[in-house]
Amino acid sequence: MLMQPYLFLGATLVLFEKFEPAHFLAEVARLQLTHVFMVPAMINMLLAEPTLATADLSSLKTLAYGAAPMAPARIREAWQRIGPVLSQGYGASESTSGVTRLSTVDHA
């Protein structure tokens, strides 16, 4: 349900069979990905990935995350190392979409 608005606007949806941080970072650069969704465990894996320091994330406008809590210290680290692109969402399947979110501005 969360992807439908993007698809209605003509976006391309890229699905990965499994999450490998180095491969994901390379694909962000190669495909010029602009919006991604992750769970906090995936962001933690990115922060531990050595190639993050040299990855080209210039196309990334939003890194939305949810489905689990994320420690404030890790949010600050991701903000500094990945960029000011974080947005947190909360929803429930019975609501068929997001219920509330913290925008990038809220994170700042």
PDB file of N, CA and C in Angstrom:
ATOM      1  N   MET A   1       0.813  -1.199   0.000  1.00  0.00           N
ATOM      2  CA  MET A   1       0.000   0.000   0.000  1.00  0.00           C
ATOM      3  C   MET A   1       0.855   1.262   0.000  1.00  0.00           C
ATOM      4  N   LEU A   2       1.988   1.208   0.702  1.00  0.00           N
ATOM      5  CA  LEU A   2       2.825   2.402   0.793  1.00  0.00           C
ATOM      6  C   LEU A   2       3.500   2.746  -0.524  1.00  0.00           C
ATOM      7  N   MET A   3       3.640   1.781  -1.411  1.00  0.00           N
ATOM      8  CA  MET A   3       4.318   2.020  -2.685  1.00  0.00           C
ATOM      9  C   MET A   3       3.370   2.536  -3.759  1.00  0.00           C
ATOM     10  N   GLN A   4       2.068   2.331  -3.593  1.00  0.00           N
ATOM     11  CA  GLN A   4       1.118   2.706  -4.638  1.00  0.00           C
ATOM     12  C   GLN A   4       1.200   4.171  -5.050  1.00  0.00           C
ATOM     13  N   PRO A   5       1.303   5.129  -4.132  1.00  0.00           N
ATOM     14  CA  PRO A   5       1.402   6.522  -4.587  1.00  0.00           C
ATOM     15  C   PRO A   5       2.591   6.760  -5.523  1.00  0.00           C
ATOM     16  N   TYR A   6       3.720   6.119  -5.230  1.00  0.00           N
ATOM     17  CA  TYR A   6       4.889   6.264  -6.104  1.00  0.00           C
ATOM     18  C   TYR A   6       4.619   5.660  -7.474  1.00  0.00           C
ATOM     19  N   LEU A   7       3.997   4.486  -7.492  1.00  0.00           N
ATOM     20  CA  LEU A   7       3.698   3.827  -8.761  1.00  0.00           C
ATOM     21  C   LEU A   7       2.696   4.628  -9.574  1.00  0.00           C
ATOM     22  N   PHE A   8       1.712   5.231  -8.919  1.00  0.00           N
ATOM     23  CA  PHE A   8       0.728   6.055  -9.624  1.00  0.00           C
ATOM     24  C   PHE A   8       1.384   7.255 -10.292  1.00  0.00           C
ATOM     25  N   LEU A   9       2.505   7.707  -9.732  1.00  0.00           N
ATOM     26  CA  LEU A   9       3.218   8.846 -10.307  1.00  0.00           C
ATOM     27  C   LEU A   9       4.245   8.421 -11.359  1.00  0.00           C
ATOM     28  N   GLY A  10       4.320   7.119 -11.635  1.00  0.00           N
ATOM     29  CA  GLY A  10       5.222   6.639 -12.677  1.00  0.00           C
ATOM     30  C   GLY A  10       6.589   6.205 -12.191  1.00  0.00           C
ATOM     31  N   ALA A  11       6.749   6.035 -10.890  1.00  0.00           N
ATOM     32  CA  ALA A  11       8.043   5.627 -10.348  1.00  0.00           C
ATOM     33  C   ALA A  11       8.373   4.184 -10.745  1.00  0.00           C
ATOM     34  N   THR A  12       9.645   3.891 -10.729  1.00  0.00           N
ATOM     35  CA  THR A  12      10.117   2.529 -10.913  1.00  0.00           C
ATOM     36  C   THR A  12      10.396   1.948  -9.542  1.00  0.00           C
ATOM     37  N   LEU A  13       9.873   0.778  -9.284  1.00  0.00           N
ATOM     38  CA  LEU A  13      10.059   0.106  -8.008  1.00  0.00           C
ATOM     39  C   LEU A  13      11.165  -0.924  -8.165  1.00  0.00           C
ATOM     40  N   VAL A  14      12.203  -0.814  -7.347  1.00  0.00           N
ATOM     41  CA  VAL A  14      13.327  -1.745  -7.397  1.00  0.00           C
ATOM     42  C   VAL A  14      13.270  -2.609  -6.143  1.00  0.00           C
ATOM     43  N   LEU A  15      13.152  -3.912  -6.337  1.00  0.00           N
ATOM     44  CA  LEU A  15      13.130  -4.850  -5.218  1.00  0.00           C
ATOM     45  C   LEU A  15      14.422  -5.665  -5.232  1.00  0.00           C
ATOM     46  N   PHE A  16      14.978  -5.853  -4.062  1.00  0.00           N
ATOM     47  CA  PHE A  16      16.191  -6.645  -3.929  1.00  0.00           C
ATOM     48  C   PHE A  16      15.838  -7.998  -3.325  1.00  0.00           C
ATOM     49  N   GLU A  17      16.410  -9.059  -3.865  1.00  0.00           N
ATOM     50  CA  GLU A  17      16.120 -10.401  -3.358  1.00  0.00           C
ATOM     51  C   GLU A  17      16.587 -10.557  -1.912  1.00  0.00           C
ATOM     52  N   LYS A  18      17.727  -9.968  -1.608  1.00  0.00           N
ATOM     53  CA  LYS A  18      18.231  -9.957  -0.235  1.00  0.00           C
ATOM     54  C   LYS A  18      19.024  -8.680  -0.046  1.00  0.00           C
ATOM     55  N   PHE A  19      19.225  -8.299   1.200  1.00  0.00           N
ATOM     56  CA  PHE A  19      19.914  -7.051   1.477  1.00  0.00           C
ATOM     57  C   PHE A  19      21.389  -7.300   1.728  1.00  0.00           C
ATOM     58  N   GLU A  20      22.198  -6.804   0.820  1.00  0.00           N
ATOM     59  CA  GLU A  20      23.653  -6.827   0.953  1.00  0.00           C
ATOM     60  C   GLU A  20      24.099  -5.375   0.874  1.00  0.00           C
ATOM     61  N   PRO A  21      24.592  -4.803   1.966  1.00  0.00           N
ATOM     62  CA  PRO A  21      24.878  -3.368   2.008  1.00  0.00           C
ATOM     63  C   PRO A  21      25.757  -2.842   0.876  1.00  0.00           C
ATOM     64  N   ALA A  22      26.848  -3.511   0.561  1.00  0.00           N
ATOM     65  CA  ALA A  22      27.738  -3.021  -0.500  1.00  0.00           C
ATOM     66  C   ALA A  22      27.019  -3.014  -1.855  1.00  0.00           C
ATOM     67  N   HIS A  23      26.267  -4.074  -2.131  1.00  0.00           N
ATOM     68  CA  HIS A  23      25.509  -4.144  -3.385  1.00  0.00           C
ATOM     69  C   HIS A  23      24.442  -3.047  -3.422  1.00  0.00           C
ATOM     70  N   PHE A  24      23.743  -2.858  -2.322  1.00  0.00           N
ATOM     71  CA  PHE A  24      22.723  -1.819  -2.257  1.00  0.00           C
ATOM     72  C   PHE A  24      23.334  -0.450  -2.544  1.00  0.00           C
ATOM     73  N   LEU A  25      24.457  -0.128  -1.908  1.00  0.00           N
ATOM     74  CA  LEU A  25      25.102   1.170  -2.121  1.00  0.00           C
ATOM     75  C   LEU A  25      25.512   1.355  -3.573  1.00  0.00           C
ATOM     76  N   ALA A  26      26.029   0.308  -4.182  1.00  0.00           N
ATOM     77  CA  ALA A  26      26.416   0.379  -5.598  1.00  0.00           C
ATOM     78  C   ALA A  26      25.190   0.619  -6.481  1.00  0.00           C
ATOM     79  N   GLU A  27      24.072  -0.014  -6.143  1.00  0.00           N
ATOM     80  CA  GLU A  27      22.852   0.149  -6.934  1.00  0.00           C
ATOM     81  C   GLU A  27      22.230   1.530  -6.762  1.00  0.00           C
ATOM     82  N   VAL A  28      22.360   2.126  -5.588  1.00  0.00           N
ATOM     83  CA  VAL A  28      21.885   3.499  -5.410  1.00  0.00           C
ATOM     84  C   VAL A  28      22.592   4.406  -6.402  1.00  0.00           C
ATOM     85  N   ALA A  29      23.898   4.246  -6.505  1.00  0.00           N
ATOM     86  CA  ALA A  29      24.676   5.072  -7.435  1.00  0.00           C
ATOM     87  C   ALA A  29      24.357   4.732  -8.889  1.00  0.00           C
ATOM     88  N   ARG A  30      24.313   3.456  -9.213  1.00  0.00           N
ATOM     89  CA  ARG A  30      24.096   3.041 -10.606  1.00  0.00           C
ATOM     90  C   ARG A  30      22.706   3.418 -11.110  1.00  0.00           C
ATOM     91  N   LEU A  31      21.688   3.197 -10.299  1.00  0.00           N
ATOM     92  CA  LEU A  31      20.307   3.444 -10.712  1.00  0.00           C
ATOM     93  C   LEU A  31      19.807   4.833 -10.331  1.00  0.00           C
ATOM     94  N   GLN A  32      20.632   5.574  -9.596  1.00  0.00           N
ATOM     95  CA  GLN A  32      20.250   6.905  -9.118  1.00  0.00           C
ATOM     96  C   GLN A  32      18.944   6.847  -8.328  1.00  0.00           C
ATOM     97  N   LEU A  33      18.887   5.920  -7.374  1.00  0.00           N
ATOM     98  CA  LEU A  33      17.697   5.750  -6.547  1.00  0.00           C
ATOM     99  C   LEU A  33      17.454   7.015  -5.735  1.00  0.00           C
ATOM    100  N   THR A  34      16.198   7.383  -5.595  1.00  0.00           N
ATOM    101  CA  THR A  34      15.852   8.621  -4.889  1.00  0.00           C
ATOM    102  C   THR A  34      15.136   8.379  -3.564  1.00  0.00           C
ATOM    103  N   HIS A  35      14.325   7.340  -3.475  1.00  0.00           N
ATOM    104  CA  HIS A  35      13.562   7.059  -2.269  1.00  0.00           C
ATOM    105  C   HIS A  35      13.713   5.581  -1.914  1.00  0.00           C
ATOM    106  N   VAL A  36      14.076   5.303  -0.683  1.00  0.00           N
ATOM    107  CA  VAL A  36      14.219   3.916  -0.253  1.00  0.00           C
ATOM    108  C   VAL A  36      13.526   3.730   1.094  1.00  0.00           C
ATOM    109  N   PHE A  37      13.151   2.485   1.373  1.00  0.00           N
ATOM    110  CA  PHE A  37      12.574   2.134   2.659  1.00  0.00           C
ATOM    111  C   PHE A  37      13.396   1.012   3.256  1.00  0.00           C
ATOM    112  N   MET A  38      13.686   1.138   4.549  1.00  0.00           N
ATOM    113  CA  MET A  38      14.455   0.124   5.266  1.00  0.00           C
ATOM    114  C   MET A  38      13.898  -0.059   6.666  1.00  0.00           C
ATOM    115  N   VAL A  39      14.216  -1.186   7.243  1.00  0.00           N
ATOM    116  CA  VAL A  39      13.999  -1.359   8.671  1.00  0.00           C
ATOM    117  C   VAL A  39      15.301  -0.951   9.363  1.00  0.00           C
ATOM    118  N   PRO A  40      15.252  -0.577  10.638  1.00  0.00           N
ATOM    119  CA  PRO A  40      16.464  -0.121  11.323  1.00  0.00           C
ATOM    120  C   PRO A  40      17.644  -1.088  11.258  1.00  0.00           C
ATOM    121  N   ALA A  41      17.391  -2.380  11.260  1.00  0.00           N
ATOM    122  CA  ALA A  41      18.497  -3.344  11.163  1.00  0.00           C
ATOM    123  C   ALA A  41      19.280  -3.150   9.862  1.00  0.00           C
ATOM    124  N   MET A  42      18.603  -2.805   8.789  1.00  0.00           N
ATOM    125  CA  MET A  42      19.272  -2.571   7.506  1.00  0.00           C
ATOM    126  C   MET A  42      20.128  -1.305   7.576  1.00  0.00           C
ATOM    127  N   ILE A  43      19.614  -0.270   8.220  1.00  0.00           N
ATOM    128  CA  ILE A  43      20.402   0.958   8.381  1.00  0.00           C
ATOM    129  C   ILE A  43      21.637   0.670   9.219  1.00  0.00           C
ATOM    130  N   ASN A  44      21.483  -0.124  10.274  1.00  0.00           N
ATOM    131  CA  ASN A  44      22.643  -0.505  11.083  1.00  0.00           C
ATOM    132  C   ASN A  44      23.673  -1.265  10.262  1.00  0.00           C
ATOM    133  N   MET A  45      23.212  -2.115   9.361  1.00  0.00           N
ATOM    134  CA  MET A  45      24.136  -2.843   8.472  1.00  0.00           C
ATOM    135  C   MET A  45      24.858  -1.869   7.540  1.00  0.00           C
ATOM    136  N   LEU A  46      24.147  -0.871   7.031  1.00  0.00           N
ATOM    137  CA  LEU A  46      24.785   0.140   6.182  1.00  0.00           C
ATOM    138  C   LEU A  46      25.861   0.896   6.950  1.00  0.00           C
ATOM    139  N   LEU A  47      25.568   1.258   8.189  1.00  0.00           N
ATOM    140  CA  LEU A  47      26.526   2.011   8.993  1.00  0.00           C
ATOM    141  C   LEU A  47      27.781   1.199   9.295  1.00  0.00           C
ATOM    142  N   ALA A  48      27.660  -0.123   9.277  1.00  0.00           N
ATOM    143  CA  ALA A  48      28.816  -0.996   9.496  1.00  0.00           C
ATOM    144  C   ALA A  48      29.564  -1.323   8.205  1.00  0.00           C
ATOM    145  N   GLU A  49      29.011  -0.928   7.065  1.00  0.00           N
ATOM    146  CA  GLU A  49      29.603  -1.248   5.753  1.00  0.00           C
ATOM    147  C   GLU A  49      30.761  -0.295   5.445  1.00  0.00           C
ATOM    148  N   PRO A  50      31.977  -0.830   5.232  1.00  0.00           N
ATOM    149  CA  PRO A  50      33.143   0.028   4.952  1.00  0.00           C
ATOM    150  C   PRO A  50      32.993   0.915   3.719  1.00  0.00           C
ATOM    151  N   THR A  51      32.277   0.458   2.694  1.00  0.00           N
ATOM    152  CA  THR A  51      32.167   1.255   1.470  1.00  0.00           C
ATOM    153  C   THR A  51      31.200   2.428   1.612  1.00  0.00           C
ATOM    154  N   LEU A  52      30.513   2.538   2.740  1.00  0.00           N
ATOM    155  CA  LEU A  52      29.607   3.667   2.939  1.00  0.00           C
ATOM    156  C   LEU A  52      30.351   4.991   2.852  1.00  0.00           C
ATOM    157  N   ALA A  53      31.571   5.021   3.350  1.00  0.00           N
ATOM    158  CA  ALA A  53      32.350   6.267   3.381  1.00  0.00           C
ATOM    159  C   ALA A  53      32.596   6.842   1.989  1.00  0.00           C
ATOM    160  N   THR A  54      32.640   5.997   0.976  1.00  0.00           N
ATOM    161  CA  THR A  54      32.931   6.467  -0.382  1.00  0.00           C
ATOM    162  C   THR A  54      31.744   6.304  -1.338  1.00  0.00           C
ATOM    163  N   ALA A  55      30.607   5.869  -0.806  1.00  0.00           N
ATOM    164  CA  ALA A  55      29.432   5.628  -1.660  1.00  0.00           C
ATOM    165  C   ALA A  55      28.856   6.940  -2.181  1.00  0.00           C
ATOM    166  N   ASP A  56      28.381   6.902  -3.427  1.00  0.00           N
ATOM    167  CA  ASP A  56      27.706   8.053  -4.022  1.00  0.00           C
ATOM    168  C   ASP A  56      26.221   7.953  -3.706  1.00  0.00           C
ATOM    169  N   LEU A  57      25.786   8.731  -2.728  1.00  0.00           N
ATOM    170  CA  LEU A  57      24.380   8.757  -2.339  1.00  0.00           C
ATOM    171  C   LEU A  57      23.724  10.078  -2.725  1.00  0.00           C
ATOM    172  N   SER A  58      24.312  10.771  -3.673  1.00  0.00           N
ATOM    173  CA  SER A  58      23.832  12.105  -4.042  1.00  0.00           C
ATOM    174  C   SER A  58      22.414  12.102  -4.607  1.00  0.00           C
ATOM    175  N   SER A  59      21.955  10.988  -5.157  1.00  0.00           N
ATOM    176  CA  SER A  59      20.596  10.935  -5.712  1.00  0.00           C
ATOM    177  C   SER A  59      19.543  10.714  -4.632  1.00  0.00           C
ATOM    178  N   LEU A  60      19.956  10.257  -3.467  1.00  0.00           N
ATOM    179  CA  LEU A  60      19.022   9.872  -2.414  1.00  0.00           C
ATOM    180  C   LEU A  60      18.351  11.084  -1.783  1.00  0.00           C
ATOM    181  N   LYS A  61      17.024  11.124  -1.888  1.00  0.00           N
ATOM    182  CA  LYS A  61      16.240  12.220  -1.308  1.00  0.00           C
ATOM    183  C   LYS A  61      15.593  11.818   0.013  1.00  0.00           C
ATOM    184  N   THR A  62      15.197  10.555   0.120  1.00  0.00           N
ATOM    185  CA  THR A  62      14.544  10.077   1.334  1.00  0.00           C
ATOM    186  C   THR A  62      14.958   8.648   1.638  1.00  0.00           C
ATOM    187  N   LEU A  63      15.348   8.428   2.869  1.00  0.00           N
ATOM    188  CA  LEU A  63      15.536   7.082   3.391  1.00  0.00           C
ATOM    189  C   LEU A  63      14.499   6.949   4.503  1.00  0.00           C
ATOM    190  N   ALA A  64      13.392   6.301   4.176  1.00  0.00           N
ATOM    191  CA  ALA A  64      12.322   6.093   5.148  1.00  0.00           C
ATOM    192  C   ALA A  64      12.589   4.788   5.884  1.00  0.00           C
ATOM    193  N   TYR A  65      12.263   4.784   7.158  1.00  0.00           N
ATOM    194  CA  TYR A  65      12.446   3.571   7.947  1.00  0.00           C
ATOM    195  C   TYR A  65      11.281   3.406   8.904  1.00  0.00           C
ATOM    196  N   GLY A  66      11.101   2.170   9.334  1.00  0.00           N
ATOM    197  CA  GLY A  66      10.026   1.871  10.264  1.00  0.00           C
ATOM    198  C   GLY A  66      10.029   0.395  10.589  1.00  0.00           C
ATOM    199  N   ALA A  67       8.946  -0.076  11.201  1.00  0.00           N
ATOM    200  CA  ALA A  67       8.724  -1.483  11.556  1.00  0.00           C
ATOM    201  C   ALA A  67       9.461  -1.913  12.817  1.00  0.00           C
ATOM    202  N   ALA A  68      10.281  -1.042  13.372  1.00  0.00           N
ATOM    203  CA  ALA A  68      11.000  -1.348  14.612  1.00  0.00           C
ATOM    204  C   ALA A  68      11.571  -0.044  15.159  1.00  0.00           C
ATOM    205  N   PRO A  69      11.822  -0.004  16.458  1.00  0.00           N
ATOM    206  CA  PRO A  69      12.433   1.209  17.026  1.00  0.00           C
ATOM    207  C   PRO A  69      13.889   1.363  16.574  1.00  0.00           C
ATOM    208  N   MET A  70      14.361   2.584  16.624  1.00  0.00           N
ATOM    209  CA  MET A  70      15.757   2.861  16.273  1.00  0.00           C
ATOM    210  C   MET A  70      16.321   3.791  17.333  1.00  0.00           C
ATOM    211  N   ALA A  71      17.481   3.450  17.848  1.00  0.00           N
ATOM    212  CA  ALA A  71      18.104   4.235  18.912  1.00  0.00           C
ATOM    213  C   ALA A  71      18.440   5.639  18.413  1.00  0.00           C
ATOM    214  N   PRO A  72      18.188   6.655  19.233  1.00  0.00           N
ATOM    215  CA  PRO A  72      18.513   8.028  18.829  1.00  0.00           C
ATOM    216  C   PRO A  72      19.970   8.210  18.405  1.00  0.00           C
ATOM    217  N   ALA A  73      20.894   7.533  19.056  1.00  0.00           N
ATOM    218  CA  ALA A  73      22.311   7.653  18.679  1.00  0.00           C
ATOM    219  C   ALA A  73      22.549   7.128  17.266  1.00  0.00           C
ATOM    220  N   ARG A  74      21.855   6.054  16.891  1.00  0.00           N
ATOM    221  CA  ARG A  74      22.005   5.503  15.536  1.00  0.00           C
ATOM    222  C   ARG A  74      21.340   6.422  14.505  1.00  0.00           C
ATOM    223  N   ILE A  75      20.241   7.048  14.890  1.00  0.00           N
ATOM    224  CA  ILE A  75      19.588   8.008  13.990  1.00  0.00           C
ATOM    225  C   ILE A  75      20.542   9.160  13.717  1.00  0.00           C
ATOM    226  N   ARG A  76      21.178   9.680  14.757  1.00  0.00           N
ATOM    227  CA  ARG A  76      22.140  10.779  14.566  1.00  0.00           C
ATOM    228  C   ARG A  76      23.311  10.344  13.691  1.00  0.00           C
ATOM    229  N   GLU A  77      23.816   9.137  13.919  1.00  0.00           N
ATOM    230  CA  GLU A  77      24.926   8.638  13.101  1.00  0.00           C
ATOM    231  C   GLU A  77      24.513   8.493  11.642  1.00  0.00           C
ATOM    232  N   ALA A  78      23.327   7.951  11.408  1.00  0.00           N
ATOM    233  CA  ALA A  78      22.851   7.797  10.028  1.00  0.00           C
ATOM    234  C   ALA A  78      22.663   9.159   9.368  1.00  0.00           C
ATOM    235  N   TRP A  79      22.155  10.125  10.124  1.00  0.00           N
ATOM    236  CA  TRP A  79      21.958  11.482   9.602  1.00  0.00           C
ATOM    237  C   TRP A  79      23.290  12.067   9.148  1.00  0.00           C
ATOM    238  N   GLN A  80      24.319  11.860   9.937  1.00  0.00           N
ATOM    239  CA  GLN A  80      25.643  12.401   9.620  1.00  0.00           C
ATOM    240  C   GLN A  80      26.321  11.647   8.482  1.00  0.00           C
ATOM    241  N   ARG A  81      26.222  10.326   8.470  1.00  0.00           N
ATOM    242  CA  ARG A  81      26.991   9.527   7.513  1.00  0.00           C
ATOM    243  C   ARG A  81      26.252   9.238   6.207  1.00  0.00           C
ATOM    244  N   ILE A  82      24.934   9.130   6.255  1.00  0.00           N
ATOM    245  CA  ILE A  82      24.149   8.856   5.050  1.00  0.00           C
ATOM    246  C   ILE A  82      23.628  10.151   4.457  1.00  0.00           C
ATOM    247  N   GLY A  83      23.265  11.071   5.328  1.00  0.00           N
ATOM    248  CA  GLY A  83      22.792  12.373   4.876  1.00  0.00           C
ATOM    249  C   GLY A  83      21.500  12.764   5.557  1.00  0.00           C
ATOM    250  N   PRO A  84      21.093  14.012   5.380  1.00  0.00           N
ATOM    251  CA  PRO A  84      19.859  14.505   5.994  1.00  0.00           C
ATOM    252  C   PRO A  84      18.626  14.077   5.194  1.00  0.00           C
ATOM    253  N   VAL A  85      18.419  12.767   5.136  1.00  0.00           N
ATOM    254  CA  VAL A  85      17.360  12.210   4.293  1.00  0.00           C
ATOM    255  C   VAL A  85      16.418  11.287   5.055  1.00  0.00           C
ATOM    256  N   LEU A  86      16.565  11.199   6.372  1.00  0.00           N
ATOM    257  CA  LEU A  86      15.786  10.235   7.147  1.00  0.00           C
ATOM    258  C   LEU A  86      14.340  10.677   7.351  1.00  0.00           C
ATOM    259  N   SER A  87      13.444   9.703   7.264  1.00  0.00           N
ATOM    260  CA  SER A  87      12.026   9.905   7.531  1.00  0.00           C
ATOM    261  C   SER A  87      11.515   8.614   8.159  1.00  0.00           C
ATOM    262  N   GLN A  88      10.872   8.733   9.308  1.00  0.00           N
ATOM    263  CA  GLN A  88      10.382   7.538  10.003  1.00  0.00           C
ATOM    264  C   GLN A  88       8.871   7.438   9.863  1.00  0.00           C
ATOM    265  N   GLY A  89       8.391   6.243   9.562  1.00  0.00           N
ATOM    266  CA  GLY A  89       6.963   6.037   9.429  1.00  0.00           C
ATOM    267  C   GLY A  89       6.460   5.001  10.405  1.00  0.00           C
ATOM    268  N   TYR A  90       5.199   5.148  10.780  1.00  0.00           N
ATOM    269  CA  TYR A  90       4.530   4.172  11.621  1.00  0.00           C
ATOM    270  C   TYR A  90       3.168   3.899  11.022  1.00  0.00           C
ATOM    271  N   GLY A  91       2.831   2.649  10.929  1.00  0.00           N
ATOM    272  CA  GLY A  91       1.540   2.285  10.390  1.00  0.00           C
ATOM    273  C   GLY A  91       1.127   0.918  10.872  1.00  0.00           C
ATOM    274  N   ALA A  92       0.025   0.467  10.383  1.00  0.00           N
ATOM    275  CA  ALA A  92      -0.482  -0.849  10.740  1.00  0.00           C
ATOM    276  C   ALA A  92      -1.195  -1.430   9.524  1.00  0.00           C
ATOM    277  N   SER A  93      -1.036  -2.720   9.330  1.00  0.00           N
ATOM    278  CA  SER A  93      -1.633  -3.327   8.142  1.00  0.00           C
ATOM    279  C   SER A  93      -3.142  -3.151   8.120  1.00  0.00           C
ATOM    280  N   GLU A  94      -3.769  -3.126   9.300  1.00  0.00           N
ATOM    281  CA  GLU A  94      -5.221  -2.956   9.312  1.00  0.00           C
ATOM    282  C   GLU A  94      -5.655  -1.543   8.929  1.00  0.00           C
ATOM    283  N   SER A  95      -4.723  -0.594   8.943  1.00  0.00           N
ATOM    284  CA  SER A  95      -5.064   0.764   8.508  1.00  0.00           C
ATOM    285  C   SER A  95      -4.820   0.949   7.010  1.00  0.00           C
ATOM    286  N   THR A  96      -4.228  -0.009   6.378  1.00  0.00           N
ATOM    287  CA  THR A  96      -3.869  -0.065   4.953  1.00  0.00           C
ATOM    288  C   THR A  96      -2.865   0.993   4.526  1.00  0.00           C
ATOM    289  N   SER A  97      -2.294   1.719   5.471  1.00  0.00           N
ATOM    290  CA  SER A  97      -1.257   2.685   5.091  1.00  0.00           C
ATOM    291  C   SER A  97      -0.574   3.199   6.352  1.00  0.00           C
ATOM    292  N   GLY A  98       0.233   4.225   6.161  1.00  0.00           N
ATOM    293  CA  GLY A  98       0.886   4.843   7.295  1.00  0.00           C
ATOM    294  C   GLY A  98      -0.105   5.558   8.196  1.00  0.00           C
ATOM    295  N   VAL A  99       0.213   5.607   9.471  1.00  0.00           N
ATOM    296  CA  VAL A  99      -0.634   6.291  10.434  1.00  0.00           C
ATOM    297  C   VAL A  99      -0.021   7.646  10.795  1.00  0.00           C
ATOM    298  N   THR A 100       1.292   7.653  10.992  1.00  0.00           N
ATOM    299  CA  THR A 100       1.989   8.895  11.325  1.00  0.00           C
ATOM    300  C   THR A 100       3.429   8.782  10.866  1.00  0.00           C
ATOM    301  N   ARG A 101       4.109   9.923  10.807  1.00  0.00           N
ATOM    302  CA  ARG A 101       5.510   9.880  10.406  1.00  0.00           C
ATOM    303  C   ARG A 101       6.258  11.067  10.970  1.00  0.00           C
ATOM    304  N   LEU A 102       7.559  10.885  11.074  1.00  0.00           N
ATOM    305  CA  LEU A 102       8.477  11.973  11.387  1.00  0.00           C
ATOM    306  C   LEU A 102       9.181  12.285  10.073  1.00  0.00           C
ATOM    307  N   SER A 103       8.994  13.485   9.581  1.00  0.00           N
ATOM    308  CA  SER A 103       9.575  13.867   8.296  1.00  0.00           C
ATOM    309  C   SER A 103      11.068  14.142   8.441  1.00  0.00           C
ATOM    310  N   THR A 104      11.689  14.433   7.337  1.00  0.00           N
ATOM    311  CA  THR A 104      13.098  14.833   7.347  1.00  0.00           C
ATOM    312  C   THR A 104      13.269  16.106   8.180  1.00  0.00           C
ATOM    313  N   VAL A 105      12.351  17.024   8.062  1.00  0.00           N
ATOM    314  CA  VAL A 105      12.394  18.274   8.849  1.00  0.00           C
ATOM    315  C   VAL A 105      12.286  17.949  10.339  1.00  0.00           C
ATOM    316  N   ASP A 106      11.398  17.020  10.705  1.00  0.00           N
ATOM    317  CA  ASP A 106      11.281  16.618  12.107  1.00  0.00           C
ATOM    318  C   ASP A 106      12.596  16.036  12.626  1.00  0.00           C
ATOM    319  N   HIS A 107      13.283  15.271  11.797  1.00  0.00           N
ATOM    320  CA  HIS A 107      14.561  14.689  12.207  1.00  0.00           C
ATOM    321  C   HIS A 107      15.611  15.774  12.419  1.00  0.00           C
ATOM    322  N   ALA A 108      15.603  16.783  11.574  1.00  0.00           N
ATOM    323  CA  ALA A 108      16.586  17.871  11.700  1.00  0.00           C
ATOM    324  C   ALA A 108      16.426  18.562  13.044  1.00  0.00           C
TER     325      ALA A 108
END
